[in-house]
PDB file of all heavy atoms in Angstrom:
ATOM      1  N   PHE A   1      14.212  -0.053 -19.659  1.00  0.00           N
ATOM      2  CA  PHE A   1      15.371  -0.513 -19.010  1.00  0.00           C
ATOM      3  C   PHE A   1      16.393   0.798 -18.861  1.00  0.00           C
ATOM      4  O   PHE A   1      17.012   1.130 -19.768  1.00  0.00           O
ATOM      5  CB  PHE A   1      16.166  -1.727 -19.431  1.00  0.00           C
ATOM      6  CG  PHE A   1      15.266  -3.028 -19.246  1.00  0.00           C
ATOM      7  CD1 PHE A   1      15.018  -3.641 -20.448  1.00  0.00           C
ATOM      8  CD2 PHE A   1      14.967  -3.417 -18.026  1.00  0.00           C
ATOM      9  CE1 PHE A   1      14.292  -4.898 -20.419  1.00  0.00           C
ATOM     10  CE2 PHE A   1      14.229  -4.670 -17.993  1.00  0.00           C
ATOM     11  CZ  PHE A   1      13.949  -5.402 -19.095  1.00  0.00           C
ATOM     12  N   VAL A   2      16.361   1.345 -17.736  1.00  0.00           N
ATOM     13  CA  VAL A   2      17.346   2.606 -17.554  1.00  0.00           C
ATOM     14  C   VAL A   2      18.625   2.062 -17.029  1.00  0.00           C
ATOM     15  O   VAL A   2      18.768   1.584 -16.035  1.00  0.00           O
ATOM     16  CB  VAL A   2      16.666   3.616 -16.516  1.00  0.00           C
ATOM     17  CG1 VAL A   2      17.562   4.785 -16.369  1.00  0.00           C
ATOM     18  CG2 VAL A   2      15.235   3.913 -16.973  1.00  0.00           C
ATOM     19  N   VAL A   3      19.639   2.148 -17.919  1.00  0.00           N
ATOM     20  CA  VAL A   3      20.824   1.556 -17.808  1.00  0.00           C
ATOM     21  C   VAL A   3      21.989   2.506 -17.213  1.00  0.00           C
ATOM     22  O   VAL A   3      22.125   3.536 -17.800  1.00  0.00           O
ATOM     23  CB  VAL A   3      21.392   0.864 -18.909  1.00  0.00           C
ATOM     24  CG1 VAL A   3      22.565   0.049 -18.851  1.00  0.00           C
ATOM     25  CG2 VAL A   3      20.231   0.005 -19.653  1.00  0.00           C
ATOM     26  N   THR A   4      22.629   2.130 -16.162  1.00  0.00           N
ATOM     27  CA  THR A   4      23.776   2.806 -15.621  1.00  0.00           C
ATOM     28  C   THR A   4      24.859   1.847 -15.199  1.00  0.00           C
ATOM     29  O   THR A   4      24.489   0.699 -14.896  1.00  0.00           O
ATOM     30  CB  THR A   4      23.409   3.823 -14.636  1.00  0.00           C
ATOM     31  OG1 THR A   4      24.514   4.640 -14.192  1.00  0.00           O
ATOM     32  CG2 THR A   4      22.903   3.067 -13.293  1.00  0.00           C
ATOM     33  N   SER A   5      26.025   2.322 -14.878  1.00  0.00           N
ATOM     34  CA  SER A   5      27.012   1.472 -14.448  1.00  0.00           C
ATOM     35  C   SER A   5      27.532   1.635 -13.159  1.00  0.00           C
ATOM     36  O   SER A   5      27.336   2.714 -12.519  1.00  0.00           O
ATOM     37  CB  SER A   5      28.384   1.612 -15.466  1.00  0.00           C
ATOM     38  OG  SER A   5      28.028   1.443 -16.883  1.00  0.00           O
ATOM     39  N   CYS A   6      28.088   0.696 -12.548  1.00  0.00           N
ATOM     40  CA  CYS A   6      28.730   0.786 -11.104  1.00  0.00           C
ATOM     41  C   CYS A   6      30.007   1.312 -11.247  1.00  0.00           C
ATOM     42  O   CYS A   6      31.047   0.778 -10.919  1.00  0.00           O
ATOM     43  CB  CYS A   6      28.675  -0.617 -10.582  1.00  0.00           C
ATOM     44  SG  CYS A   6      27.151  -1.457 -10.216  1.00  0.00           S
ATOM     45  N   ASN A   7      30.078   2.582 -11.616  1.00  0.00           N
ATOM     46  CA  ASN A   7      31.307   3.471 -11.810  1.00  0.00           C
ATOM     47  C   ASN A   7      30.970   4.792 -11.723  1.00  0.00           C
ATOM     48  O   ASN A   7      29.888   5.188 -11.271  1.00  0.00           O
ATOM     49  CB  ASN A   7      32.131   2.972 -12.972  1.00  0.00           C
ATOM     50  CG  ASN A   7      31.334   3.064 -14.296  1.00  0.00           C
ATOM     51  OD1 ASN A   7      30.298   3.868 -14.440  1.00  0.00           O
ATOM     52  ND2 ASN A   7      31.588   2.409 -15.291  1.00  0.00           N
ATOM     53  N   ASN A   8      31.794   5.660 -12.254  1.00  0.00           N
ATOM     54  CA  ASN A   8      31.630   7.175 -12.264  1.00  0.00           C
ATOM     55  C   ASN A   8      30.443   7.659 -13.017  1.00  0.00           C
ATOM     56  O   ASN A   8      29.947   8.818 -13.061  1.00  0.00           O
ATOM     57  CB  ASN A   8      32.839   7.824 -12.720  1.00  0.00           C
ATOM     58  CG  ASN A   8      34.074   7.754 -11.784  1.00  0.00           C
ATOM     59  OD1 ASN A   8      33.730   7.452 -10.643  1.00  0.00           O
ATOM     60  ND2 ASN A   8      35.335   7.961 -12.369  1.00  0.00           N
ATOM     61  N   ASP A   9      29.889   6.776 -13.923  1.00  0.00           N
ATOM     62  CA  ASP A   9      28.697   7.074 -14.712  1.00  0.00           C
ATOM     63  C   ASP A   9      27.461   7.195 -13.899  1.00  0.00           C
ATOM     64  O   ASP A   9      26.593   7.855 -14.111  1.00  0.00           O
ATOM     65  CB  ASP A   9      28.377   6.084 -15.863  1.00  0.00           C
ATOM     66  CG  ASP A   9      27.165   6.322 -16.467  1.00  0.00           C
ATOM     67  OD1 ASP A   9      27.220   7.234 -17.362  1.00  0.00           O
ATOM     68  OD2 ASP A   9      26.112   5.806 -16.177  1.00  0.00           O
ATOM     69  N   PHE A  10      27.476   6.605 -12.677  1.00  0.00           N
ATOM     70  CA  PHE A  10      26.255   6.428 -11.841  1.00  0.00           C
ATOM     71  C   PHE A  10      25.974   7.879 -11.349  1.00  0.00           C
ATOM     72  O   PHE A  10      26.829   8.588 -10.789  1.00  0.00           O
ATOM     73  CB  PHE A  10      26.497   5.625 -10.609  1.00  0.00           C
ATOM     74  CG  PHE A  10      25.285   5.297  -9.765  1.00  0.00           C
ATOM     75  CD1 PHE A  10      24.378   4.337 -10.081  1.00  0.00           C
ATOM     76  CD2 PHE A  10      24.962   6.145  -8.691  1.00  0.00           C
ATOM     77  CE1 PHE A  10      23.163   4.107  -9.251  1.00  0.00           C
ATOM     78  CE2 PHE A  10      23.916   5.957  -7.907  1.00  0.00           C
ATOM     79  CZ  PHE A  10      22.945   4.950  -8.241  1.00  0.00           C
ATOM     80  N   ASN A  11      24.743   8.323 -11.533  1.00  0.00           N
ATOM     81  CA  ASN A  11      24.232   9.669 -11.120  1.00  0.00           C
ATOM     82  C   ASN A  11      22.701   9.525 -10.916  1.00  0.00           C
ATOM     83  O   ASN A  11      21.848   9.328 -11.728  1.00  0.00           O
ATOM     84  CB  ASN A  11      24.464  10.645 -12.336  1.00  0.00           C
ATOM     85  CG  ASN A  11      24.158  12.082 -11.839  1.00  0.00           C
ATOM     86  OD1 ASN A  11      23.079  12.377 -11.763  1.00  0.00           O
ATOM     87  ND2 ASN A  11      25.255  12.863 -11.827  1.00  0.00           N
ATOM     88  N   VAL A  12      22.333   9.785  -9.622  1.00  0.00           N
ATOM     89  CA  VAL A  12      21.016   9.680  -9.214  1.00  0.00           C
ATOM     90  C   VAL A  12      20.114  10.652  -9.889  1.00  0.00           C
ATOM     91  O   VAL A  12      18.995  10.333 -10.361  1.00  0.00           O
ATOM     92  CB  VAL A  12      20.942   9.905  -7.673  1.00  0.00           C
ATOM     93  CG1 VAL A  12      19.418   9.932  -7.223  1.00  0.00           C
ATOM     94  CG2 VAL A  12      21.594   8.709  -6.932  1.00  0.00           C
ATOM     95  N   ALA A  13      20.558  11.936 -10.006  1.00  0.00           N
ATOM     96  CA  ALA A  13      19.731  12.956 -10.638  1.00  0.00           C
ATOM     97  C   ALA A  13      19.508  12.672 -12.068  1.00  0.00           C
ATOM     98  O   ALA A  13      18.379  12.741 -12.595  1.00  0.00           O
ATOM     99  CB  ALA A  13      20.446  14.363 -10.665  1.00  0.00           C
ATOM    100  N   ARG A  14      20.426  11.994 -12.888  1.00  0.00           N
ATOM    101  CA  ARG A  14      20.156  11.698 -14.268  1.00  0.00           C
ATOM    102  C   ARG A  14      19.229  10.426 -14.311  1.00  0.00           C
ATOM    103  O   ARG A  14      18.254  10.334 -15.001  1.00  0.00           O
ATOM    104  CB  ARG A  14      21.474  11.191 -14.929  1.00  0.00           C
ATOM    105  CG  ARG A  14      21.429  10.961 -16.377  1.00  0.00           C
ATOM    106  CD  ARG A  14      22.527  10.322 -17.082  1.00  0.00           C
ATOM    107  NE  ARG A  14      23.823  11.028 -16.785  1.00  0.00           N
ATOM    108  CZ  ARG A  14      24.792  10.515 -16.174  1.00  0.00           C
ATOM    109  NH1 ARG A  14      24.696   9.183 -15.944  1.00  0.00           N
ATOM    110  NH2 ARG A  14      25.891  11.137 -15.942  1.00  0.00           N
ATOM    111  N   LEU A  15      19.349   9.452 -13.324  1.00  0.00           N
ATOM    112  CA  LEU A  15      18.383   8.393 -13.372  1.00  0.00           C
ATOM    113  C   LEU A  15      16.993   8.836 -13.139  1.00  0.00           C
ATOM    114  O   LEU A  15      15.984   8.386 -13.741  1.00  0.00           O
ATOM    115  CB  LEU A  15      18.786   7.422 -12.264  1.00  0.00           C
ATOM    116  CG  LEU A  15      19.966   6.491 -12.490  1.00  0.00           C
ATOM    117  CD1 LEU A  15      20.361   5.675 -11.192  1.00  0.00           C
ATOM    118  CD2 LEU A  15      19.771   5.594 -13.677  1.00  0.00           C
ATOM    119  N   GLU A  16      16.736   9.952 -12.293  1.00  0.00           N
ATOM    120  CA  GLU A  16      15.481  10.420 -11.972  1.00  0.00           C
ATOM    121  C   GLU A  16      14.838  11.118 -13.265  1.00  0.00           C
ATOM    122  O   GLU A  16      13.646  11.019 -13.399  1.00  0.00           O
ATOM    123  CB  GLU A  16      15.586  11.449 -10.867  1.00  0.00           C
ATOM    124  CG  GLU A  16      15.806  10.810  -9.407  1.00  0.00           C
ATOM    125  CD  GLU A  16      16.070  11.771  -8.273  1.00  0.00           C
ATOM    126  OE1 GLU A  16      16.502  12.973  -8.634  1.00  0.00           O
ATOM    127  OE2 GLU A  16      15.942  11.457  -7.155  1.00  0.00           O
ATOM    128  N   ARG A  17      15.625  11.658 -13.966  1.00  0.00           N
ATOM    129  CA  ARG A  17      15.167  12.217 -15.351  1.00  0.00           C
ATOM    130  C   ARG A  17      14.484  11.144 -16.184  1.00  0.00           C
ATOM    131  O   ARG A  17      13.500  11.335 -16.709  1.00  0.00           O
ATOM    132  CB  ARG A  17      16.242  12.923 -16.054  1.00  0.00           C
ATOM    133  CG  ARG A  17      16.743  14.311 -15.494  1.00  0.00           C
ATOM    134  CD  ARG A  17      17.751  15.023 -16.163  1.00  0.00           C
ATOM    135  NE  ARG A  17      18.104  16.217 -15.725  1.00  0.00           N
ATOM    136  CZ  ARG A  17      17.512  17.462 -15.972  1.00  0.00           C
ATOM    137  NH1 ARG A  17      16.447  17.390 -16.795  1.00  0.00           N
ATOM    138  NH2 ARG A  17      17.819  18.571 -15.460  1.00  0.00           N
ATOM    139  N   TYR A  18      15.393  10.026 -16.370  1.00  0.00           N
ATOM    140  CA  TYR A  18      14.884   9.023 -17.242  1.00  0.00           C
ATOM    141  C   TYR A  18      13.596   8.402 -16.571  1.00  0.00           C
ATOM    142  O   TYR A  18      12.577   7.952 -17.326  1.00  0.00           O
ATOM    143  CB  TYR A  18      15.922   7.948 -17.368  1.00  0.00           C
ATOM    144  CG  TYR A  18      16.991   8.261 -18.333  1.00  0.00           C
ATOM    145  CD1 TYR A  18      18.303   8.403 -17.945  1.00  0.00           C
ATOM    146  CD2 TYR A  18      16.735   8.264 -19.673  1.00  0.00           C
ATOM    147  CE1 TYR A  18      19.376   8.652 -18.802  1.00  0.00           C
ATOM    148  CE2 TYR A  18      17.830   8.527 -20.599  1.00  0.00           C
ATOM    149  CZ  TYR A  18      19.058   8.793 -20.129  1.00  0.00           C
ATOM    150  OH  TYR A  18      19.964   9.098 -21.082  1.00  0.00           O
ATOM    151  N   LEU A  19      13.581   8.131 -15.383  1.00  0.00           N
ATOM    152  CA  LEU A  19      12.467   7.614 -14.646  1.00  0.00           C
ATOM    153  C   LEU A  19      11.200   8.508 -14.810  1.00  0.00           C
ATOM    154  O   LEU A  19      10.134   7.975 -14.996  1.00  0.00           O
ATOM    155  CB  LEU A  19      12.737   7.319 -13.245  1.00  0.00           C
ATOM    156  CG  LEU A  19      13.896   6.180 -12.877  1.00  0.00           C
ATOM    157  CD1 LEU A  19      14.185   6.068 -11.509  1.00  0.00           C
ATOM    158  CD2 LEU A  19      13.464   4.972 -13.558  1.00  0.00           C
ATOM    159  N   ALA A  20      11.427   9.614 -14.686  1.00  0.00           N
ATOM    160  CA  ALA A  20      10.198  10.607 -14.810  1.00  0.00           C
ATOM    161  C   ALA A  20       9.689  10.528 -16.235  1.00  0.00           C
ATOM    162  O   ALA A  20       8.460  10.560 -16.474  1.00  0.00           O
ATOM    163  CB  ALA A  20      10.701  12.143 -14.534  1.00  0.00           C
ATOM    164  N   LEU A  21      10.564  10.492 -17.133  1.00  0.00           N
ATOM    165  CA  LEU A  21      10.039  10.274 -18.638  1.00  0.00           C
ATOM    166  C   LEU A  21       9.364   8.955 -18.747  1.00  0.00           C
ATOM    167  O   LEU A  21       8.166   8.976 -19.398  1.00  0.00           O
ATOM    168  CB  LEU A  21      11.311  10.200 -19.518  1.00  0.00           C
ATOM    169  CG  LEU A  21      11.863  11.568 -19.996  1.00  0.00           C
ATOM    170  CD1 LEU A  21      13.031  11.197 -20.977  1.00  0.00           C
ATOM    171  CD2 LEU A  21      10.896  12.452 -20.535  1.00  0.00           C
ATOM    172  N   ALA A  22       9.884   7.997 -18.077  1.00  0.00           N
ATOM    173  CA  ALA A  22       9.064   6.562 -18.258  1.00  0.00           C
ATOM    174  C   ALA A  22       7.767   6.653 -17.584  1.00  0.00           C
ATOM    175  O   ALA A  22       6.826   6.230 -18.192  1.00  0.00           O
ATOM    176  CB  ALA A  22       9.834   5.573 -17.630  1.00  0.00           C
ATOM    177  N   PHE A  23       7.610   7.276 -16.367  1.00  0.00           N
ATOM    178  CA  PHE A  23       6.337   7.450 -15.675  1.00  0.00           C
ATOM    179  C   PHE A  23       5.387   8.229 -16.645  1.00  0.00           C
ATOM    180  O   PHE A  23       4.249   7.898 -16.604  1.00  0.00           O
ATOM    181  CB  PHE A  23       6.467   8.015 -14.264  1.00  0.00           C
ATOM    182  CG  PHE A  23       7.019   7.050 -13.139  1.00  0.00           C
ATOM    183  CD1 PHE A  23       8.023   7.355 -12.443  1.00  0.00           C
ATOM    184  CD2 PHE A  23       6.328   5.733 -13.129  1.00  0.00           C
ATOM    185  CE1 PHE A  23       8.586   6.377 -11.470  1.00  0.00           C
ATOM    186  CE2 PHE A  23       6.718   4.955 -12.196  1.00  0.00           C
ATOM    187  CZ  PHE A  23       7.872   5.204 -11.318  1.00  0.00           C
ATOM    188  N   GLU A  24       5.902   9.416 -17.076  1.00  0.00           N
ATOM    189  CA  GLU A  24       5.027  10.179 -17.871  1.00  0.00           C
ATOM    190  C   GLU A  24       4.567   9.403 -19.135  1.00  0.00           C
ATOM    191  O   GLU A  24       3.400   9.734 -19.560  1.00  0.00           O
ATOM    192  CB  GLU A  24       5.843  11.426 -18.361  1.00  0.00           C
ATOM    193  CG  GLU A  24       4.968  12.436 -19.194  1.00  0.00           C
ATOM    194  CD  GLU A  24       3.926  13.074 -18.306  1.00  0.00           C
ATOM    195  OE1 GLU A  24       3.989  13.315 -17.117  1.00  0.00           O
ATOM    196  OE2 GLU A  24       2.825  13.578 -18.909  1.00  0.00           O
ATOM    197  N   ALA A  25       5.341   8.623 -19.757  1.00  0.00           N
ATOM    198  CA  ALA A  25       5.056   7.861 -20.921  1.00  0.00           C
ATOM    199  C   ALA A  25       4.129   6.681 -20.680  1.00  0.00           C
ATOM    200  O   ALA A  25       3.569   6.076 -21.513  1.00  0.00           O
ATOM    201  CB  ALA A  25       6.268   7.387 -21.615  1.00  0.00           C
ATOM    202  N   ASP A  26       3.906   6.455 -19.378  1.00  0.00           N
ATOM    203  CA  ASP A  26       3.065   5.256 -18.955  1.00  0.00           C
ATOM    204  C   ASP A  26       3.736   3.893 -19.336  1.00  0.00           C
ATOM    205  O   ASP A  26       3.174   2.983 -19.761  1.00  0.00           O
ATOM    206  CB  ASP A  26       1.714   5.227 -19.540  1.00  0.00           C
ATOM    207  CG  ASP A  26       0.602   4.427 -18.786  1.00  0.00           C
ATOM    208  OD1 ASP A  26       0.937   4.127 -17.567  1.00  0.00           O
ATOM    209  OD2 ASP A  26      -0.358   4.001 -19.379  1.00  0.00           O
ATOM    210  N   VAL A  27       5.096   3.913 -19.087  1.00  0.00           N
ATOM    211  CA  VAL A  27       5.865   2.685 -19.394  1.00  0.00           C
ATOM    212  C   VAL A  27       6.436   2.217 -18.137  1.00  0.00           C
ATOM    213  O   VAL A  27       6.846   2.955 -17.093  1.00  0.00           O
ATOM    214  CB  VAL A  27       7.155   3.179 -20.448  1.00  0.00           C
ATOM    215  CG1 VAL A  27       8.164   1.908 -20.452  1.00  0.00           C
ATOM    216  CG2 VAL A  27       6.482   3.539 -21.649  1.00  0.00           C
ATOM    217  N   THR A  28       6.590   0.815 -17.941  1.00  0.00           N
ATOM    218  CA  THR A  28       7.161   0.371 -16.664  1.00  0.00           C
ATOM    219  C   THR A  28       8.648   0.508 -16.639  1.00  0.00           C
ATOM    220  O   THR A  28       9.354   0.098 -17.655  1.00  0.00           O
ATOM    221  CB  THR A  28       6.895  -1.149 -16.718  1.00  0.00           C
ATOM    222  OG1 THR A  28       5.428  -1.435 -16.638  1.00  0.00           O
ATOM    223  CG2 THR A  28       7.524  -1.784 -15.323  1.00  0.00           C
ATOM    224  N   PRO A  29       9.268   1.299 -15.677  1.00  0.00           N
ATOM    225  CA  PRO A  29      10.746   1.377 -15.728  1.00  0.00           C
ATOM    226  C   PRO A  29      11.420   0.393 -14.849  1.00  0.00           C
ATOM    227  O   PRO A  29      10.947  -0.042 -13.759  1.00  0.00           O
ATOM    228  CB  PRO A  29      10.836   2.825 -15.056  1.00  0.00           C
ATOM    229  CG  PRO A  29       9.676   2.979 -14.175  1.00  0.00           C
ATOM    230  CD  PRO A  29       8.584   2.110 -14.705  1.00  0.00           C
ATOM    231  N   VAL A  30      12.633   0.036 -15.143  1.00  0.00           N
ATOM    232  CA  VAL A  30      13.497  -0.832 -14.434  1.00  0.00           C
ATOM    233  C   VAL A  30      14.872  -0.372 -14.511  1.00  0.00           C
ATOM    234  O   VAL A  30      15.363   0.014 -15.692  1.00  0.00           O
ATOM    235  CB  VAL A  30      13.522  -2.271 -14.933  1.00  0.00           C
ATOM    236  CG1 VAL A  30      14.447  -3.220 -14.089  1.00  0.00           C
ATOM    237  CG2 VAL A  30      12.017  -2.802 -15.021  1.00  0.00           C
ATOM    238  N   ILE A  31      15.469  -0.193 -13.347  1.00  0.00           N
ATOM    239  CA  ILE A  31      16.956   0.415 -13.318  1.00  0.00           C
ATOM    240  C   ILE A  31      17.920  -0.914 -13.484  1.00  0.00           C
ATOM    241  O   ILE A  31      17.779  -1.859 -12.648  1.00  0.00           O
ATOM    242  CB  ILE A  31      17.288   1.039 -11.970  1.00  0.00           C
ATOM    243  CG1 ILE A  31      16.374   2.371 -11.921  1.00  0.00           C
ATOM    244  CG2 ILE A  31      18.769   1.450 -12.008  1.00  0.00           C
ATOM    245  CD1 ILE A  31      16.736   3.082 -10.643  1.00  0.00           C
ATOM    246  N   LEU A  32      18.706  -0.878 -14.375  1.00  0.00           N
ATOM    247  CA  LEU A  32      19.662  -1.975 -14.631  1.00  0.00           C
ATOM    248  C   LEU A  32      21.190  -1.339 -14.188  1.00  0.00           C
ATOM    249  O   LEU A  32      21.599  -0.271 -14.725  1.00  0.00           O
ATOM    250  CB  LEU A  32      19.883  -2.340 -15.970  1.00  0.00           C
ATOM    251  CG  LEU A  32      18.534  -2.883 -16.657  1.00  0.00           C
ATOM    252  CD1 LEU A  32      18.855  -3.654 -17.967  1.00  0.00           C
ATOM    253  CD2 LEU A  32      18.008  -4.068 -15.684  1.00  0.00           C
ATOM    254  N   LEU A  33      21.805  -1.932 -13.262  1.00  0.00           N
ATOM    255  CA  LEU A  33      23.138  -1.652 -12.861  1.00  0.00           C
ATOM    256  C   LEU A  33      24.099  -2.572 -13.630  1.00  0.00           C
ATOM    257  O   LEU A  33      24.111  -3.804 -13.216  1.00  0.00           O
ATOM    258  CB  LEU A  33      23.357  -1.626 -11.335  1.00  0.00           C
ATOM    259  CG  LEU A  33      22.439  -0.742 -10.611  1.00  0.00           C
ATOM    260  CD1 LEU A  33      22.677  -0.969  -9.036  1.00  0.00           C
ATOM    261  CD2 LEU A  33      22.748   0.725 -10.881  1.00  0.00           C
ATOM    262  N   THR A  34      24.956  -2.146 -14.456  1.00  0.00           N
ATOM    263  CA  THR A  34      25.881  -2.952 -15.192  1.00  0.00           C
ATOM    264  C   THR A  34      27.282  -2.805 -14.781  1.00  0.00           C
ATOM    265  O   THR A  34      27.476  -2.026 -13.853  1.00  0.00           O
ATOM    266  CB  THR A  34      25.863  -2.585 -16.776  1.00  0.00           C
ATOM    267  OG1 THR A  34      26.229  -1.264 -16.990  1.00  0.00           O
ATOM    268  CG2 THR A  34      24.341  -2.765 -17.324  1.00  0.00           C
ATOM    269  N   LYS A  35      28.172  -3.596 -15.361  1.00  0.00           N
ATOM    270  CA  LYS A  35      29.587  -3.608 -14.993  1.00  0.00           C
ATOM    271  C   LYS A  35      29.773  -4.049 -13.601  1.00  0.00           C
ATOM    272  O   LYS A  35      30.745  -3.619 -12.794  1.00  0.00           O
ATOM    273  CB  LYS A  35      30.246  -2.448 -15.335  1.00  0.00           C
ATOM    274  CG  LYS A  35      30.129  -1.974 -16.782  1.00  0.00           C
ATOM    275  CD  LYS A  35      30.888  -0.666 -17.073  1.00  0.00           C
ATOM    276  CE  LYS A  35      30.495  -0.173 -18.535  1.00  0.00           C
ATOM    277  NZ  LYS A  35      30.691  -1.081 -19.569  1.00  0.00           N
ATOM    278  N   ALA A  36      28.812  -4.958 -12.944  1.00  0.00           N
ATOM    279  CA  ALA A  36      29.053  -5.364 -11.659  1.00  0.00           C
ATOM    280  C   ALA A  36      30.254  -6.180 -11.466  1.00  0.00           C
ATOM    281  O   ALA A  36      30.777  -6.282 -10.275  1.00  0.00           O
ATOM    282  CB  ALA A  36      27.731  -6.166 -11.328  1.00  0.00           C
ATOM    283  N   ASP A  37      30.689  -6.720 -12.542  1.00  0.00           N
ATOM    284  CA  ASP A  37      31.929  -7.603 -12.357  1.00  0.00           C
ATOM    285  C   ASP A  37      33.151  -6.854 -12.255  1.00  0.00           C
ATOM    286  O   ASP A  37      34.252  -7.368 -11.873  1.00  0.00           O
ATOM    287  CB  ASP A  37      31.964  -8.577 -13.778  1.00  0.00           C
ATOM    288  CG  ASP A  37      32.027  -7.712 -15.020  1.00  0.00           C
ATOM    289  OD1 ASP A  37      30.978  -6.825 -15.072  1.00  0.00           O
ATOM    290  OD2 ASP A  37      32.835  -8.022 -15.864  1.00  0.00           O
ATOM    291  N   LEU A  38      33.112  -5.447 -12.586  1.00  0.00           N
ATOM    292  CA  LEU A  38      34.275  -4.576 -12.478  1.00  0.00           C
ATOM    293  C   LEU A  38      34.220  -3.803 -11.183  1.00  0.00           C
ATOM    294  O   LEU A  38      35.132  -2.845 -10.940  1.00  0.00           O
ATOM    295  CB  LEU A  38      34.324  -3.734 -13.671  1.00  0.00           C
ATOM    296  CG  LEU A  38      34.393  -4.430 -15.033  1.00  0.00           C
ATOM    297  CD1 LEU A  38      34.428  -3.375 -16.127  1.00  0.00           C
ATOM    298  CD2 LEU A  38      35.664  -5.396 -15.229  1.00  0.00           C
TER     299      LEU A  38
END
């Protein structure tokens, strides 16, 4: 679960790094967007 927030932390380039690691590791990746209530 690649976790990021719905605020200034959100960064597409950083998410892509984590997802590339997951694909390389042969692990199922899922993006979680947190702090939706804020």
